[in-house]
Amino acid sequence: MTLGLTPERGTEMFAAIYPTFYKKYPAIKIEPIELTVKQQQYEIAQGKIDIGFLTLQSSQKTNDEYIHICSEEIILGVPISHPLAHLGGKLGEKLPSISLKCFENDNFAIMQKGSTLREIYDNLITGEEIFPPILLETRSCHTLFDMVVEGICCSVFPISYAKHNSNISYFSIKQNPVWEIAASYKKGCYLSGAAKEFITICSDYWIRKMSPSL
């Protein structure tokens, strides 16, 4: 079974859930392939990937099949030393909403081009008609968080990457950006029992990920 995984979320998820799947289906060979959303969608349409695990927005969906797993808010993190940090909030509370225009002169760490998170960021700043300086482009959401915690720059990232830390202040973004985590497969194709079970295990993983208190 060939799986498409996004660099943003998929590889981390696979490492966490594969042992559970293997215990149930030790004879099923899994071939994980790390690809961007667009690359996965092309390979799915060509029948070269059995299941893709994607982070995307509704506007990015193709005519193939999608199984909703969960939705996740994209938030802004700023160093506690920032002049506006006192206006922000903490995890577990309703985060104050703010416009990225307030940070147009600040350095940002952002995801590399080709990722859904980069597309979301680009759309946000284009809508605000701002172009903040880019300090770093990366493939790791962990790196985005770490750059803010170290007081180096601001960043936007999925809320599940946020942690309780006194060195960072959090905001909701005015446009309320959200991405969907979904499983996708070629339209008209049959999903095997093993494939359905893999998606179920994936869904359970994300339920736990989004509810750290469980």
C-alpha atoms as a PDB file:
ATOM      1  CA  MET A   1       0.000   0.000   0.000  1.00  0.00           C
ATOM      2  CA  THR A   2       1.489   3.301  -1.119  1.00  0.00           C
ATOM      3  CA  LEU A   3       0.871   6.342   1.100  1.00  0.00           C
ATOM      4  CA  GLY A   4       1.384  10.000   0.271  1.00  0.00           C
ATOM      5  CA  LEU A   5       2.494  12.122   3.231  1.00  0.00           C
ATOM      6  CA  THR A   6       2.952  15.881   3.456  1.00  0.00           C
ATOM      7  CA  PRO A   7       6.219  17.188   4.917  1.00  0.00           C
ATOM      8  CA  GLU A   8       4.144  19.419   7.222  1.00  0.00           C
ATOM      9  CA  ARG A   9       2.211  16.749   9.100  1.00  0.00           C
ATOM     10  CA  GLY A  10       2.273  13.368   7.403  1.00  0.00           C
ATOM     11  CA  THR A  11       5.743  12.069   8.231  1.00  0.00           C
ATOM     12  CA  GLU A  12       5.338  12.767  11.943  1.00  0.00           C
ATOM     13  CA  MET A  13       1.916  11.092  11.911  1.00  0.00           C
ATOM     14  CA  PHE A  14       3.199   7.996  10.117  1.00  0.00           C
ATOM     15  CA  ALA A  15       5.994   7.450  12.630  1.00  0.00           C
ATOM     16  CA  ALA A  16       3.460   7.638  15.462  1.00  0.00           C
ATOM     17  CA  ILE A  17       0.773   5.325  14.071  1.00  0.00           C
ATOM     18  CA  TYR A  18       2.629   2.755  11.966  1.00  0.00           C
ATOM     19  CA  PRO A  19       3.488   0.465  14.928  1.00  0.00           C
ATOM     20  CA  THR A  20      -0.244   0.169  15.733  1.00  0.00           C
ATOM     21  CA  PHE A  21      -1.090  -0.671  12.121  1.00  0.00           C
ATOM     22  CA  TYR A  22       1.773  -3.170  11.837  1.00  0.00           C
ATOM     23  CA  LYS A  23       0.525  -5.129  14.855  1.00  0.00           C
ATOM     24  CA  LYS A  24      -2.815  -5.612  13.099  1.00  0.00           C
ATOM     25  CA  TYR A  25      -1.516  -6.107   9.548  1.00  0.00           C
ATOM     26  CA  PRO A  26       2.096  -7.369   9.715  1.00  0.00           C
ATOM     27  CA  ALA A  27       1.859  -8.805   6.193  1.00  0.00           C
ATOM     28  CA  ILE A  28       0.847  -5.505   4.563  1.00  0.00           C
ATOM     29  CA  LYS A  29       3.808  -3.658   3.082  1.00  0.00           C
ATOM     30  CA  ILE A  30       3.574   0.123   3.433  1.00  0.00           C
ATOM     31  CA  GLU A  31       5.510   2.453   1.146  1.00  0.00           C
ATOM     32  CA  PRO A  32       5.379   6.032   2.494  1.00  0.00           C
ATOM     33  CA  ILE A  33       6.293   8.813   0.057  1.00  0.00           C
ATOM     34  CA  GLU A  34       6.770  12.425   1.164  1.00  0.00           C
ATOM     35  CA  LEU A  35       5.189  14.823  -1.351  1.00  0.00           C
ATOM     36  CA  THR A  36       3.538  18.227  -1.396  1.00  0.00           C
ATOM     37  CA  VAL A  37      -0.252  18.392  -1.598  1.00  0.00           C
ATOM     38  CA  LYS A  38      -0.236  19.142  -5.331  1.00  0.00           C
ATOM     39  CA  GLN A  39       2.222  16.343  -6.033  1.00  0.00           C
ATOM     40  CA  GLN A  40       0.069  13.909  -4.052  1.00  0.00           C
ATOM     41  CA  GLN A  41      -3.071  14.964  -5.881  1.00  0.00           C
ATOM     42  CA  TYR A  42      -1.389  14.331  -9.223  1.00  0.00           C
ATOM     43  CA  GLU A  43      -0.121  10.900  -8.142  1.00  0.00           C
ATOM     44  CA  ILE A  44      -3.545   9.971  -6.723  1.00  0.00           C
ATOM     45  CA  ALA A  45      -5.268  10.926  -9.977  1.00  0.00           C
ATOM     46  CA  GLN A  46      -2.731   8.786 -11.863  1.00  0.00           C
ATOM     47  CA  GLY A  47      -3.424   5.826  -9.575  1.00  0.00           C
ATOM     48  CA  LYS A  48       0.147   5.746  -8.270  1.00  0.00           C
ATOM     49  CA  ILE A  49      -0.738   6.463  -4.623  1.00  0.00           C
ATOM     50  CA  ASP A  50      -3.371   4.416  -2.794  1.00  0.00           C
ATOM     51  CA  ILE A  51      -4.063   6.965  -0.048  1.00  0.00           C
ATOM     52  CA  GLY A  52      -2.814  10.507   0.399  1.00  0.00           C
ATOM     53  CA  PHE A  53      -2.849  12.299   3.734  1.00  0.00           C
ATOM     54  CA  LEU A  54      -3.178  15.979   2.987  1.00  0.00           C
ATOM     55  CA  THR A  55      -3.312  19.310   4.779  1.00  0.00           C
ATOM     56  CA  LEU A  56      -5.312  21.600   2.536  1.00  0.00           C
ATOM     57  CA  GLN A  57      -8.130  24.103   2.169  1.00  0.00           C
ATOM     58  CA  SER A  58     -11.440  23.425   0.418  1.00  0.00           C
ATOM     59  CA  SER A  59     -10.371  25.456  -2.611  1.00  0.00           C
ATOM     60  CA  GLN A  60      -7.479  23.039  -3.196  1.00  0.00           C
ATOM     61  CA  LYS A  61      -9.604  19.900  -3.490  1.00  0.00           C
ATOM     62  CA  THR A  62      -9.708  18.009  -6.779  1.00  0.00           C
ATOM     63  CA  ASN A  63     -12.413  15.657  -8.113  1.00  0.00           C
ATOM     64  CA  ASP A  64     -10.968  12.659  -6.269  1.00  0.00           C
ATOM     65  CA  GLU A  65     -12.376  11.344  -2.981  1.00  0.00           C
ATOM     66  CA  TYR A  66     -11.659  13.066   0.354  1.00  0.00           C
ATOM     67  CA  ILE A  67     -12.326  11.786   3.860  1.00  0.00           C
ATOM     68  CA  HIS A  68     -12.374  14.568   6.464  1.00  0.00           C
ATOM     69  CA  ILE A  69     -10.230  13.813   9.502  1.00  0.00           C
ATOM     70  CA  CYS A  70     -10.159  17.140  11.355  1.00  0.00           C
ATOM     71  CA  SER A  71      -9.778  20.897  10.971  1.00  0.00           C
ATOM     72  CA  GLU A  72      -7.048  22.962  12.582  1.00  0.00           C
ATOM     73  CA  GLU A  73      -6.677  26.687  13.211  1.00  0.00           C
ATOM     74  CA  ILE A  74      -3.580  28.493  11.962  1.00  0.00           C
ATOM     75  CA  ILE A  75      -2.368  30.997  14.581  1.00  0.00           C
ATOM     76  CA  LEU A  76       0.254  33.708  14.993  1.00  0.00           C
ATOM     77  CA  GLY A  77       3.114  33.422  17.467  1.00  0.00           C
ATOM     78  CA  VAL A  78       5.263  36.408  18.486  1.00  0.00           C
ATOM     79  CA  PRO A  79       8.222  36.633  20.900  1.00  0.00           C
ATOM     80  CA  ILE A  80       7.329  37.846  24.372  1.00  0.00           C
ATOM     81  CA  SER A  81       9.778  40.722  23.805  1.00  0.00           C
ATOM     82  CA  HIS A  82       7.643  42.104  20.964  1.00  0.00           C
ATOM     83  CA  PRO A  83       5.958  45.462  21.747  1.00  0.00           C
ATOM     84  CA  LEU A  84       2.512  43.937  21.041  1.00  0.00           C
ATOM     85  CA  ALA A  85       3.083  40.671  22.906  1.00  0.00           C
ATOM     86  CA  HIS A  86       1.141  41.901  25.951  1.00  0.00           C
ATOM     87  CA  LEU A  87      -2.012  41.960  23.786  1.00  0.00           C
ATOM     88  CA  GLY A  88      -1.738  38.248  23.031  1.00  0.00           C
ATOM     89  CA  GLY A  89      -2.995  35.234  24.926  1.00  0.00           C
ATOM     90  CA  LYS A  90      -2.099  31.804  26.220  1.00  0.00           C
ATOM     91  CA  LEU A  91      -3.061  28.336  25.075  1.00  0.00           C
ATOM     92  CA  GLY A  92      -6.300  27.075  26.558  1.00  0.00           C
ATOM     93  CA  GLU A  93      -7.826  30.558  26.454  1.00  0.00           C
ATOM     94  CA  LYS A  94      -9.716  32.294  23.664  1.00  0.00           C
ATOM     95  CA  LEU A  95      -6.912  33.941  21.748  1.00  0.00           C
ATOM     96  CA  PRO A  96      -7.209  37.657  20.921  1.00  0.00           C
ATOM     97  CA  SER A  97      -7.675  38.361  17.218  1.00  0.00           C
ATOM     98  CA  ILE A  98      -5.240  40.610  15.392  1.00  0.00           C
ATOM     99  CA  SER A  99      -4.337  41.669  11.855  1.00  0.00           C
ATOM    100  CA  LEU A 100      -0.991  40.662  10.401  1.00  0.00           C
ATOM    101  CA  LYS A 101      -0.736  44.259   9.226  1.00  0.00           C
ATOM    102  CA  CYS A 102       0.337  45.093  12.781  1.00  0.00           C
ATOM    103  CA  PHE A 103       3.468  43.030  12.124  1.00  0.00           C
ATOM    104  CA  GLU A 104       4.316  44.123   8.580  1.00  0.00           C
ATOM    105  CA  ASN A 105       7.782  45.355   9.562  1.00  0.00           C
ATOM    106  CA  ASP A 106       8.709  42.282  11.629  1.00  0.00           C
ATOM    107  CA  ASN A 107      10.826  39.381  10.458  1.00  0.00           C
ATOM    108  CA  PHE A 108       8.953  36.107   9.840  1.00  0.00           C
ATOM    109  CA  ALA A 109       9.915  32.457   9.643  1.00  0.00           C
ATOM    110  CA  ILE A 110       7.634  30.722   7.134  1.00  0.00           C
ATOM    111  CA  MET A 111       7.198  27.404   5.371  1.00  0.00           C
ATOM    112  CA  GLN A 112       8.839  26.771   2.025  1.00  0.00           C
ATOM    113  CA  LYS A 113       6.958  27.346  -1.224  1.00  0.00           C
ATOM    114  CA  GLY A 114       4.787  24.455  -2.359  1.00  0.00           C
ATOM    115  CA  SER A 115       3.314  23.801   1.082  1.00  0.00           C
ATOM    116  CA  THR A 116      -0.275  24.515   2.094  1.00  0.00           C
ATOM    117  CA  LEU A 117       0.878  26.556   5.079  1.00  0.00           C
ATOM    118  CA  ARG A 118       2.966  28.768   2.780  1.00  0.00           C
ATOM    119  CA  GLU A 119      -0.015  29.241   0.481  1.00  0.00           C
ATOM    120  CA  ILE A 120      -2.160  30.244   3.466  1.00  0.00           C
ATOM    121  CA  TYR A 121       0.501  32.702   4.643  1.00  0.00           C
ATOM    122  CA  ASP A 122       0.943  34.200   1.176  1.00  0.00           C
ATOM    123  CA  ASN A 123      -2.817  34.683   0.826  1.00  0.00           C
ATOM    124  CA  LEU A 124      -3.009  36.371   4.233  1.00  0.00           C
ATOM    125  CA  ILE A 125      -0.278  38.912   3.555  1.00  0.00           C
ATOM    126  CA  THR A 126      -1.475  39.563   0.001  1.00  0.00           C
ATOM    127  CA  GLY A 127      -4.956  40.266   1.359  1.00  0.00           C
ATOM    128  CA  GLU A 128      -3.473  42.750   3.819  1.00  0.00           C
ATOM    129  CA  GLU A 129      -1.205  44.213   1.107  1.00  0.00           C
ATOM    130  CA  ILE A 130       1.867  43.726   3.261  1.00  0.00           C
ATOM    131  CA  PHE A 131       5.182  41.941   2.667  1.00  0.00           C
ATOM    132  CA  PRO A 132       6.992  41.336   5.973  1.00  0.00           C
ATOM    133  CA  PRO A 133      10.709  40.487   5.725  1.00  0.00           C
ATOM    134  CA  ILE A 134      11.370  36.736   5.473  1.00  0.00           C
ATOM    135  CA  LEU A 135      14.125  35.622   7.819  1.00  0.00           C
ATOM    136  CA  LEU A 136      13.830  31.870   7.254  1.00  0.00           C
ATOM    137  CA  GLU A 137      12.022  29.410   4.994  1.00  0.00           C
ATOM    138  CA  THR A 138      11.755  25.867   6.338  1.00  0.00           C
ATOM    139  CA  ARG A 139       9.938  22.540   5.891  1.00  0.00           C
ATOM    140  CA  SER A 140       9.419  22.124   9.638  1.00  0.00           C
ATOM    141  CA  CYS A 141       6.597  23.585  11.716  1.00  0.00           C
ATOM    142  CA  HIS A 142       8.668  22.720  14.791  1.00  0.00           C
ATOM    143  CA  THR A 143      11.341  25.090  13.514  1.00  0.00           C
ATOM    144  CA  LEU A 144       8.763  27.871  13.086  1.00  0.00           C
ATOM    145  CA  PHE A 145       7.735  27.507  16.728  1.00  0.00           C
ATOM    146  CA  ASP A 146      11.334  27.309  17.957  1.00  0.00           C
ATOM    147  CA  MET A 147      12.307  30.485  16.094  1.00  0.00           C
ATOM    148  CA  VAL A 148       9.592  32.416  17.922  1.00  0.00           C
ATOM    149  CA  VAL A 149      10.433  30.914  21.322  1.00  0.00           C
ATOM    150  CA  GLU A 150      14.066  31.954  20.848  1.00  0.00           C
ATOM    151  CA  GLY A 151      12.884  35.530  20.267  1.00  0.00           C
ATOM    152  CA  ILE A 152      14.233  35.633  16.730  1.00  0.00           C
ATOM    153  CA  CYS A 153      11.087  36.412  14.722  1.00  0.00           C
ATOM    154  CA  CYS A 154       7.323  35.970  14.343  1.00  0.00           C
ATOM    155  CA  SER A 155       5.568  33.092  12.591  1.00  0.00           C
ATOM    156  CA  VAL A 156       2.251  31.465  11.737  1.00  0.00           C
ATOM    157  CA  PHE A 157       1.747  27.743  12.358  1.00  0.00           C
ATOM    158  CA  PRO A 158      -0.939  25.148  13.176  1.00  0.00           C
ATOM    159  CA  ILE A 159      -2.231  25.420  16.740  1.00  0.00           C
ATOM    160  CA  SER A 160      -1.271  21.824  17.558  1.00  0.00           C
ATOM    161  CA  TYR A 161       2.388  22.844  17.287  1.00  0.00           C
ATOM    162  CA  ALA A 162       1.924  25.530  19.916  1.00  0.00           C
ATOM    163  CA  LYS A 163       3.097  24.786  23.451  1.00  0.00           C
ATOM    164  CA  HIS A 164       2.777  26.475  26.813  1.00  0.00           C
ATOM    165  CA  ASN A 165       5.869  28.649  26.943  1.00  0.00           C
ATOM    166  CA  SER A 166       6.506  31.949  28.711  1.00  0.00           C
ATOM    167  CA  ASN A 167       8.646  33.190  25.810  1.00  0.00           C
ATOM    168  CA  ILE A 168       5.815  33.323  23.265  1.00  0.00           C
ATOM    169  CA  SER A 169       2.510  35.143  22.941  1.00  0.00           C
ATOM    170  CA  TYR A 170      -0.314  33.801  20.743  1.00  0.00           C
ATOM    171  CA  PHE A 171      -2.958  35.468  18.587  1.00  0.00           C
ATOM    172  CA  SER A 172      -5.806  34.324  16.408  1.00  0.00           C
ATOM    173  CA  ILE A 173      -5.467  35.840  12.948  1.00  0.00           C
ATOM    174  CA  LYS A 174      -8.206  38.211  11.790  1.00  0.00           C
ATOM    175  CA  GLN A 175      -9.171  36.091   8.771  1.00  0.00           C
ATOM    176  CA  ASN A 176      -9.484  32.939  10.948  1.00  0.00           C
ATOM    177  CA  PRO A 177      -7.391  30.714   8.640  1.00  0.00           C
ATOM    178  CA  VAL A 178      -8.025  26.983   8.993  1.00  0.00           C
ATOM    179  CA  TRP A 179      -6.731  23.968   7.131  1.00  0.00           C
ATOM    180  CA  GLU A 180      -8.261  20.533   6.851  1.00  0.00           C
ATOM    181  CA  ILE A 181      -6.439  17.291   7.455  1.00  0.00           C
ATOM    182  CA  ALA A 182      -7.929  14.715   5.100  1.00  0.00           C
ATOM    183  CA  ALA A 183      -7.315  11.338   3.528  1.00  0.00           C
ATOM    184  CA  SER A 184      -7.708  11.184  -0.243  1.00  0.00           C
ATOM    185  CA  TYR A 185      -7.890   8.415  -2.823  1.00  0.00           C
ATOM    186  CA  LYS A 186      -8.654   8.093  -6.541  1.00  0.00           C
ATOM    187  CA  LYS A 187     -12.293   8.624  -7.438  1.00  0.00           C
ATOM    188  CA  GLY A 188     -14.031   5.317  -8.171  1.00  0.00           C
ATOM    189  CA  CYS A 189     -11.344   3.195  -6.491  1.00  0.00           C
ATOM    190  CA  TYR A 190     -12.071   0.588  -3.838  1.00  0.00           C
ATOM    191  CA  LEU A 191     -10.535   0.969  -0.374  1.00  0.00           C
ATOM    192  CA  SER A 192      -9.379  -2.306   1.177  1.00  0.00           C
ATOM    193  CA  GLY A 193     -10.096  -3.199   4.778  1.00  0.00           C
ATOM    194  CA  ALA A 194      -6.459  -2.497   5.643  1.00  0.00           C
ATOM    195  CA  ALA A 195      -6.642   0.940   4.002  1.00  0.00           C
ATOM    196  CA  LYS A 196      -9.837   1.790   5.922  1.00  0.00           C
ATOM    197  CA  GLU A 197      -8.196   0.651   9.160  1.00  0.00           C
ATOM    198  CA  PHE A 198      -5.150   2.827   8.470  1.00  0.00           C
ATOM    199  CA  ILE A 199      -7.420   5.862   8.043  1.00  0.00           C
ATOM    200  CA  THR A 200      -9.241   5.002  11.282  1.00  0.00           C
ATOM    201  CA  ILE A 201      -5.949   4.791  13.185  1.00  0.00           C
ATOM    202  CA  CYS A 202      -4.933   8.097  11.620  1.00  0.00           C
ATOM    203  CA  SER A 203      -8.204   9.712  12.748  1.00  0.00           C
ATOM    204  CA  ASP A 204      -7.678   8.451  16.301  1.00  0.00           C
ATOM    205  CA  TYR A 205      -4.181   9.925  16.272  1.00  0.00           C
ATOM    206  CA  TRP A 206      -5.482  13.357  15.313  1.00  0.00           C
ATOM    207  CA  ILE A 207      -8.246  13.259  17.927  1.00  0.00           C
ATOM    208  CA  ARG A 208      -5.557  12.727  20.563  1.00  0.00           C
ATOM    209  CA  LYS A 209      -3.280  15.327  18.964  1.00  0.00           C
ATOM    210  CA  MET A 210      -5.968  18.009  19.001  1.00  0.00           C
ATOM    211  CA  SER A 211      -7.080  17.099  22.548  1.00  0.00           C
ATOM    212  CA  PRO A 212      -3.858  16.855  24.557  1.00  0.00           C
ATOM    213  CA  SER A 213      -5.812  16.455  27.797  1.00  0.00           C
ATOM    214  CA  LEU A 214      -7.221  13.088  26.626  1.00  0.00           C
END
